[in-house]
N, C-alpha and C. Protein backbone atom coordinates (compact mmCIF):
# COMPACT_ATOMS: atom_id res chain seq x y z
N MET A 1 3.53 -3.62 18.29
CA MET A 1 2.79 -2.88 17.29
C MET A 1 3.40 -1.48 17.21
N VAL A 2 3.76 -1.06 16.00
CA VAL A 2 4.42 0.21 15.77
C VAL A 2 3.49 1.15 15.03
N ASN A 3 3.09 2.26 15.66
CA ASN A 3 2.27 3.27 15.00
C ASN A 3 1.02 2.69 14.35
N GLY A 4 0.43 1.67 14.96
CA GLY A 4 -0.79 1.08 14.41
C GLY A 4 -0.54 0.01 13.37
N PHE A 5 0.73 -0.33 13.13
CA PHE A 5 1.08 -1.36 12.16
C PHE A 5 1.67 -2.55 12.91
N GLY A 6 1.63 -3.69 12.30
CA GLY A 6 2.18 -4.89 12.92
C GLY A 6 3.65 -5.08 12.67
N SER A 7 4.26 -4.24 11.82
CA SER A 7 5.68 -4.41 11.56
C SER A 7 6.37 -3.06 11.45
N LEU A 8 7.62 -3.03 11.82
CA LEU A 8 8.42 -1.82 11.73
C LEU A 8 8.59 -1.39 10.28
N VAL A 9 8.76 -2.36 9.38
CA VAL A 9 8.92 -2.04 7.96
C VAL A 9 7.71 -1.28 7.44
N ASN A 10 6.50 -1.74 7.75
CA ASN A 10 5.29 -1.05 7.30
C ASN A 10 5.17 0.33 7.94
N ALA A 11 5.48 0.45 9.22
CA ALA A 11 5.39 1.75 9.89
C ALA A 11 6.36 2.75 9.27
N LEU A 12 7.55 2.31 8.92
CA LEU A 12 8.53 3.20 8.31
C LEU A 12 8.19 3.54 6.87
N SER A 13 7.33 2.76 6.24
CA SER A 13 6.99 2.96 4.84
C SER A 13 5.91 4.01 4.62
N VAL A 14 5.17 4.39 5.66
CA VAL A 14 4.11 5.38 5.51
C VAL A 14 4.75 6.69 5.06
N SER A 15 4.20 7.28 4.01
CA SER A 15 4.77 8.52 3.49
C SER A 15 3.71 9.59 3.38
N ALA A 16 4.17 10.83 3.29
CA ALA A 16 3.26 11.96 3.07
C ALA A 16 3.51 12.54 1.68
N ALA A 17 4.02 11.74 0.77
CA ALA A 17 4.32 12.20 -0.58
C ALA A 17 3.05 12.66 -1.28
N VAL A 18 3.23 13.49 -2.30
CA VAL A 18 2.12 14.01 -3.09
C VAL A 18 1.78 12.98 -4.17
N PRO A 19 0.53 12.49 -4.21
CA PRO A 19 0.17 11.48 -5.20
C PRO A 19 -0.06 12.06 -6.59
N VAL A 20 0.22 11.26 -7.60
CA VAL A 20 -0.01 11.61 -9.00
C VAL A 20 -0.64 10.39 -9.65
N VAL A 21 -1.65 10.60 -10.49
CA VAL A 21 -2.30 9.48 -11.18
C VAL A 21 -1.25 8.69 -11.96
N GLY A 22 -1.29 7.36 -11.80
CA GLY A 22 -0.34 6.47 -12.45
C GLY A 22 0.87 6.13 -11.59
N MET A 23 1.03 6.83 -10.46
CA MET A 23 2.16 6.61 -9.56
C MET A 23 2.04 5.25 -8.89
N PRO A 24 3.15 4.52 -8.74
CA PRO A 24 3.10 3.27 -7.98
C PRO A 24 2.85 3.56 -6.50
N ALA A 25 2.21 2.62 -5.84
CA ALA A 25 1.89 2.77 -4.41
C ALA A 25 1.92 1.40 -3.74
N THR A 26 1.98 1.42 -2.42
CA THR A 26 1.94 0.19 -1.64
C THR A 26 0.90 0.33 -0.53
N ILE A 27 -0.06 -0.57 -0.51
CA ILE A 27 -1.06 -0.60 0.57
C ILE A 27 -0.44 -1.37 1.73
N LEU A 28 -0.42 -0.75 2.90
CA LEU A 28 0.23 -1.32 4.08
C LEU A 28 -0.82 -1.89 5.01
N CYS A 29 -0.81 -3.20 5.15
CA CYS A 29 -1.75 -3.88 6.05
C CYS A 29 -1.03 -4.15 7.36
N TRP A 30 -1.54 -5.04 8.16
CA TRP A 30 -0.95 -5.31 9.47
C TRP A 30 0.53 -5.62 9.32
N THR A 31 0.90 -6.70 8.67
CA THR A 31 2.30 -6.98 8.37
C THR A 31 2.50 -7.24 6.88
N ASP A 32 1.43 -7.37 6.14
CA ASP A 32 1.52 -7.61 4.70
C ASP A 32 1.54 -6.29 3.94
N ARG A 33 1.96 -6.36 2.67
CA ARG A 33 1.94 -5.20 1.78
C ARG A 33 1.39 -5.64 0.43
N HIS A 34 0.72 -4.72 -0.28
CA HIS A 34 0.15 -5.02 -1.59
C HIS A 34 0.47 -3.89 -2.56
N GLY A 35 1.04 -4.25 -3.70
CA GLY A 35 1.37 -3.27 -4.73
C GLY A 35 0.11 -2.70 -5.35
N ALA A 36 0.12 -1.42 -5.68
CA ALA A 36 -1.06 -0.74 -6.22
C ALA A 36 -0.62 0.40 -7.13
N THR A 37 -1.63 1.04 -7.75
CA THR A 37 -1.40 2.20 -8.62
C THR A 37 -2.40 3.28 -8.25
N VAL A 38 -1.94 4.54 -8.20
CA VAL A 38 -2.83 5.67 -7.93
C VAL A 38 -3.71 5.89 -9.15
N THR A 39 -5.04 5.96 -8.94
CA THR A 39 -5.98 6.11 -10.05
C THR A 39 -6.71 7.45 -10.05
N TRP A 40 -6.71 8.16 -8.93
CA TRP A 40 -7.42 9.44 -8.83
C TRP A 40 -6.82 10.24 -7.68
N VAL A 41 -6.75 11.55 -7.86
CA VAL A 41 -6.27 12.46 -6.82
C VAL A 41 -7.24 13.63 -6.72
N SER A 42 -7.63 14.00 -5.51
CA SER A 42 -8.53 15.14 -5.31
C SER A 42 -7.80 16.43 -5.67
N PRO A 43 -8.56 17.50 -5.96
CA PRO A 43 -7.93 18.79 -6.27
C PRO A 43 -7.02 19.29 -5.14
N SER A 44 -7.35 18.99 -3.90
CA SER A 44 -6.52 19.43 -2.77
C SER A 44 -5.27 18.58 -2.61
N GLY A 45 -5.26 17.39 -3.22
CA GLY A 45 -4.12 16.48 -3.09
C GLY A 45 -4.10 15.73 -1.78
N LYS A 46 -5.15 15.86 -0.97
CA LYS A 46 -5.18 15.20 0.33
C LYS A 46 -6.03 13.94 0.37
N THR A 47 -6.62 13.57 -0.76
CA THR A 47 -7.37 12.34 -0.89
C THR A 47 -6.97 11.71 -2.22
N CYS A 48 -6.80 10.41 -2.19
CA CYS A 48 -6.49 9.71 -3.45
C CYS A 48 -7.13 8.33 -3.43
N ARG A 49 -7.23 7.76 -4.61
CA ARG A 49 -7.73 6.39 -4.73
C ARG A 49 -6.65 5.56 -5.41
N VAL A 50 -6.56 4.30 -4.98
CA VAL A 50 -5.59 3.38 -5.57
C VAL A 50 -6.29 2.08 -5.93
N ARG A 51 -5.72 1.37 -6.88
CA ARG A 51 -6.23 0.06 -7.28
C ARG A 51 -5.09 -0.93 -7.13
N GLU A 52 -5.37 -2.03 -6.41
CA GLU A 52 -4.37 -3.06 -6.19
C GLU A 52 -3.98 -3.73 -7.51
N CYS A 53 -2.71 -3.99 -7.69
CA CYS A 53 -2.20 -4.66 -8.89
C CYS A 53 -2.25 -6.17 -8.72
N ILE A 54 -2.08 -6.86 -9.82
CA ILE A 54 -1.88 -8.31 -9.77
C ILE A 54 -0.40 -8.51 -9.50
N ALA A 55 -0.08 -9.19 -8.42
CA ALA A 55 1.32 -9.46 -8.06
C ALA A 55 1.58 -10.95 -8.26
N ARG A 56 2.54 -11.25 -9.11
CA ARG A 56 2.89 -12.64 -9.38
C ARG A 56 4.28 -12.89 -8.81
N ARG A 57 4.35 -13.86 -7.93
CA ARG A 57 5.63 -14.17 -7.29
C ARG A 57 6.56 -14.84 -8.30
N ILE A 58 7.79 -14.34 -8.39
CA ILE A 58 8.71 -14.86 -9.39
C ILE A 58 9.95 -15.53 -8.78
N ASP A 59 10.08 -15.53 -7.46
CA ASP A 59 11.21 -16.22 -6.84
C ASP A 59 10.83 -17.67 -6.56
N LYS A 60 11.76 -18.44 -6.13
CA LYS A 60 11.53 -19.85 -5.79
C LYS A 60 11.93 -20.11 -4.33
N ASN A 61 11.65 -19.12 -3.47
CA ASN A 61 12.09 -19.19 -2.07
C ASN A 61 11.07 -19.80 -1.13
N GLY A 62 9.91 -20.18 -1.60
CA GLY A 62 8.90 -20.79 -0.74
C GLY A 62 8.44 -19.84 0.35
N MET A 63 8.13 -20.40 1.51
CA MET A 63 7.61 -19.61 2.63
C MET A 63 8.77 -18.92 3.35
N SER A 64 9.29 -17.86 2.76
CA SER A 64 10.44 -17.18 3.33
C SER A 64 10.23 -15.67 3.35
N GLU A 65 11.16 -14.97 3.98
CA GLU A 65 11.14 -13.51 4.01
C GLU A 65 11.57 -12.92 2.66
N ALA A 66 12.39 -13.65 1.91
CA ALA A 66 12.91 -13.18 0.63
C ALA A 66 11.87 -13.45 -0.45
N GLN A 67 11.14 -12.42 -0.85
CA GLN A 67 10.06 -12.56 -1.82
C GLN A 67 10.25 -11.53 -2.93
N GLU A 68 10.06 -11.98 -4.17
CA GLU A 68 10.19 -11.10 -5.32
C GLU A 68 8.96 -11.25 -6.21
N TYR A 69 8.43 -10.13 -6.66
CA TYR A 69 7.18 -10.13 -7.43
C TYR A 69 7.33 -9.30 -8.70
N GLU A 70 6.47 -9.61 -9.68
CA GLU A 70 6.29 -8.72 -10.81
C GLU A 70 4.82 -8.28 -10.79
N TYR A 71 4.56 -7.09 -11.31
CA TYR A 71 3.24 -6.48 -11.17
C TYR A 71 2.61 -6.21 -12.53
N SER A 72 1.29 -6.32 -12.58
CA SER A 72 0.53 -5.91 -13.76
C SER A 72 -0.76 -5.25 -13.28
N GLU A 73 -1.30 -4.38 -14.11
CA GLU A 73 -2.52 -3.66 -13.75
C GLU A 73 -3.68 -4.64 -13.59
N ASN A 74 -4.60 -4.30 -12.69
CA ASN A 74 -5.80 -5.10 -12.47
C ASN A 74 -7.00 -4.16 -12.53
N LEU A 75 -7.50 -3.95 -13.74
CA LEU A 75 -8.61 -3.00 -13.93
C LEU A 75 -9.90 -3.48 -13.28
N ALA A 76 -9.98 -4.75 -12.92
CA ALA A 76 -11.18 -5.29 -12.27
C ALA A 76 -11.16 -5.07 -10.75
N ALA A 77 -10.02 -4.71 -10.20
CA ALA A 77 -9.92 -4.52 -8.75
C ALA A 77 -10.65 -3.25 -8.33
N PRO A 78 -11.28 -3.25 -7.17
CA PRO A 78 -11.97 -2.04 -6.70
C PRO A 78 -10.97 -0.96 -6.29
N GLU A 79 -11.39 0.29 -6.42
CA GLU A 79 -10.55 1.39 -5.96
C GLU A 79 -10.71 1.54 -4.45
N ARG A 80 -9.62 1.86 -3.77
CA ARG A 80 -9.65 2.10 -2.33
C ARG A 80 -9.21 3.54 -2.10
N GLU A 81 -9.93 4.23 -1.21
CA GLU A 81 -9.67 5.64 -0.98
C GLU A 81 -8.82 5.83 0.28
N PHE A 82 -7.85 6.75 0.19
CA PHE A 82 -6.97 7.09 1.30
C PHE A 82 -6.96 8.59 1.48
N ARG A 83 -6.78 9.02 2.74
CA ARG A 83 -6.71 10.45 3.06
C ARG A 83 -5.42 10.73 3.83
N LEU A 84 -4.85 11.89 3.57
CA LEU A 84 -3.64 12.30 4.26
C LEU A 84 -4.01 12.93 5.59
N GLY A 85 -3.47 12.38 6.67
CA GLY A 85 -3.73 12.89 8.02
C GLY A 85 -2.43 13.06 8.79
N LYS A 86 -2.54 13.23 10.07
CA LYS A 86 -1.37 13.42 10.93
C LYS A 86 -0.41 12.24 10.89
N ARG A 87 -0.93 11.05 10.67
CA ARG A 87 -0.11 9.84 10.66
C ARG A 87 0.17 9.34 9.25
N GLY A 88 0.12 10.22 8.27
CA GLY A 88 0.37 9.83 6.89
C GLY A 88 -0.91 9.42 6.19
N TRP A 89 -0.78 8.72 5.09
CA TRP A 89 -1.94 8.27 4.30
C TRP A 89 -2.59 7.07 4.98
N ARG A 90 -3.90 7.17 5.22
CA ARG A 90 -4.66 6.09 5.86
C ARG A 90 -5.96 5.88 5.11
N SER A 91 -6.52 4.68 5.24
CA SER A 91 -7.80 4.35 4.62
C SER A 91 -8.84 5.37 5.01
N ALA A 92 -9.59 5.86 4.03
CA ALA A 92 -10.63 6.86 4.29
C ALA A 92 -11.72 6.27 5.17
N GLY A 93 -12.23 7.07 6.11
CA GLY A 93 -13.33 6.65 6.95
C GLY A 93 -12.95 5.75 8.11
N THR A 94 -11.67 5.65 8.43
CA THR A 94 -11.25 4.75 9.51
C THR A 94 -10.67 5.50 10.71
N ARG A 95 -10.78 6.82 10.71
CA ARG A 95 -10.29 7.65 11.81
C ARG A 95 -8.82 7.34 12.14
N GLY A 96 -8.01 7.17 11.11
CA GLY A 96 -6.58 6.96 11.31
C GLY A 96 -6.18 5.57 11.73
N LYS A 97 -7.13 4.62 11.77
CA LYS A 97 -6.80 3.28 12.25
C LYS A 97 -6.81 2.24 11.13
N GLY A 98 -7.00 2.65 9.90
CA GLY A 98 -7.06 1.69 8.80
C GLY A 98 -5.70 1.41 8.21
N ASN A 99 -5.71 0.83 7.02
CA ASN A 99 -4.47 0.54 6.31
C ASN A 99 -3.75 1.82 5.97
N GLY A 100 -2.44 1.74 5.87
CA GLY A 100 -1.64 2.87 5.46
C GLY A 100 -1.33 2.78 3.97
N LEU A 101 -0.70 3.82 3.46
CA LEU A 101 -0.35 3.87 2.05
C LEU A 101 1.01 4.52 1.92
N SER A 102 1.86 3.90 1.12
CA SER A 102 3.16 4.46 0.79
C SER A 102 3.15 4.76 -0.70
N LEU A 103 3.65 5.92 -1.08
CA LEU A 103 3.62 6.35 -2.47
C LEU A 103 5.03 6.35 -3.08
N GLY A 104 5.08 6.06 -4.37
CA GLY A 104 6.34 6.14 -5.09
C GLY A 104 7.00 4.80 -5.39
N HIS A 105 6.48 3.73 -4.83
CA HIS A 105 7.03 2.39 -5.10
C HIS A 105 5.96 1.34 -4.85
N ARG A 106 6.14 0.18 -5.48
CA ARG A 106 5.25 -0.97 -5.24
C ARG A 106 6.01 -2.02 -4.46
N SER A 107 5.34 -2.58 -3.48
CA SER A 107 5.94 -3.66 -2.71
C SER A 107 4.86 -4.65 -2.33
N GLU A 108 5.13 -5.91 -2.55
CA GLU A 108 4.22 -6.99 -2.16
C GLU A 108 4.96 -7.83 -1.14
N TYR A 109 4.28 -8.23 -0.10
CA TYR A 109 4.91 -9.08 0.92
C TYR A 109 3.82 -9.84 1.64
N HIS A 110 4.01 -11.14 1.78
CA HIS A 110 3.07 -11.97 2.54
C HIS A 110 3.83 -12.50 3.75
N ASP A 111 3.33 -12.21 4.96
CA ASP A 111 3.95 -12.67 6.20
C ASP A 111 3.42 -14.06 6.50
N TYR A 112 4.28 -15.06 6.35
CA TYR A 112 3.87 -16.45 6.55
C TYR A 112 3.79 -16.84 8.02
N SER A 113 4.17 -15.96 8.93
CA SER A 113 4.14 -16.34 10.35
C SER A 113 2.74 -16.23 10.96
N PHE A 114 1.74 -15.75 10.17
CA PHE A 114 0.37 -15.67 10.70
C PHE A 114 -0.49 -16.73 10.06
């Protein structure tokens, strides 16, 4: 376990970038990732909300590491709040132990080994 994440890729993806509404984002779970969009930013810039996108797999690689997705907005998805702390962006209210957030790109990944 690296920095509270189940994968090195997710741990390295945590960023302290400044969020902007409409910016692509990636929600970092244990070893999975989910593409999202920033929907709200606090005046201080230290809290933001994101909404997970619809990710449709477009490759034909089956249960493999090589995965390719296309994304579309999902206005029905709930917003999730993240706060910037010492360990980067983390789920609000989890004392630094929740999901992480990477800003500036979307990435979807499903780890089939679990």
